[in-house]
Amino acid sequence: MSEREHQELTPEEQKENVMAVVAHVLPFAIWLTLMVYFENYVVRTVSGLVLLAVARPWRWYPRLQLKNIPAAIAVGVLIFFVWVGFETPWMAQKAPAVAEWYDRLFVDLMHPFKTRELFDVPAEIESDAVQEAILLGEENIERTRLPFEVIESGPHVGRHIYDPRVTGLFVFWVHMFGTSVIIAIIEEFFFRGFLYRWMMGSPFFKIDPGRLHWPMLLVISVFFGVEHYEWMAGIICGIAFGLLYIKTQDIWAAIIAHGTTNFILGLYVVQFNAYEFW
C-alpha cells in the first residue's frame, strides 16, 4: 500500500478534521455497542436516529444525485441475491452439497468448517406423532430443527422474537427502518465515506472519492465482511458498495444500495421464516 497522504492544516482546518472524524466514527461505535448490549430494536433505532441527527456526517458530502438511484437500487437487489442465494431452500434442494459447503466455508468465522447451529423447536408444536414419541422416550426421533432459536413457551411459542406477530406491526416497521435506513447510513458513512478515504490520507474528506485504490478497498471490504455472520457475502457486499461510491462519487448511492439490500432481506426473512439472517 502506498504511504498515506497528509496535508498541513491550519488550526481551523484541524478542528474541522477532528469534528468530521468524530461525526463518522462515534455513531458507528455506539451502534456496535448497542448491538451487543441492547436486544430491543426500538431502543437501537431511536438511538441511531438521535446519533445521526447530532453528528450530521452528511455535512461533508454533496447531495444525492437522482441519476444514481437506478444503479443504486440495482446493486442493492443484486447483493440481496448474493446474500441469501446459497442458503435458500431452493439451493438446499437442488444443490445440497453446494449449500452445505458454502455454509461450512463462508458463514460464521468463529466456527470454521461447521454448518449453522440448529435448534429443536419446542415439543408442544411438533406433530402428535413426534410428541408421543418424545413422551415414550424413543430414541432417534426426527425433530424439527431451525437455524435460529424460537420462543419456548407462551402464546408465541415456536416463533422468533422478531416475528411481527410477536412484536406487533409498529415495532416490526421500526425494526425495518433501523435496518434499512439507520444502519445503512451509519455504516456507509463510516466504511465508505470515512474509513476507505482515511486510509489513503488526511483529512479524509479532501481525498478524491472517485479514486480507486484496490488494496484499500479490499481491506475495508474484509473489515466490513467480518462484521457480519455471513462474512463472505459481506466482503462481496463491501466491494460492490465501495465501487458504487467510487464510480458515482455519491455516498447516498451507496446508502440507497445498502438500504435496498436490507429492506428486501427483511421482507424475505418474514416471508420465508428465515430469521437466521436477522
Foldseek 3Di string as FASTA:
>chain_A
DDDAAEDDDDPVVVVVLVLLVCLQPVLVVVLVVCVVPPPQLLVSLVVLVVSCVVSVNCVLADDDDPVLQVVLLVLLVVLLCLLCVLPDPVNCVPPVVSSLVLQQDQFAPVRHRDHQDKDFFALVPDDPVLVVCVVVVHPPRDTDIDSDDADHDDPRGPAHCLACVNVPPVSNVSNLCCQQASVLVSVLCRLLVQQLQVNRYPPSSPRQLLDDDPVSQQVSQQVQQVVARSRVSSSVLSNSLSNSCNVVVHSVSSSNSSSSNSNVVSVVCNVVVVVVRD
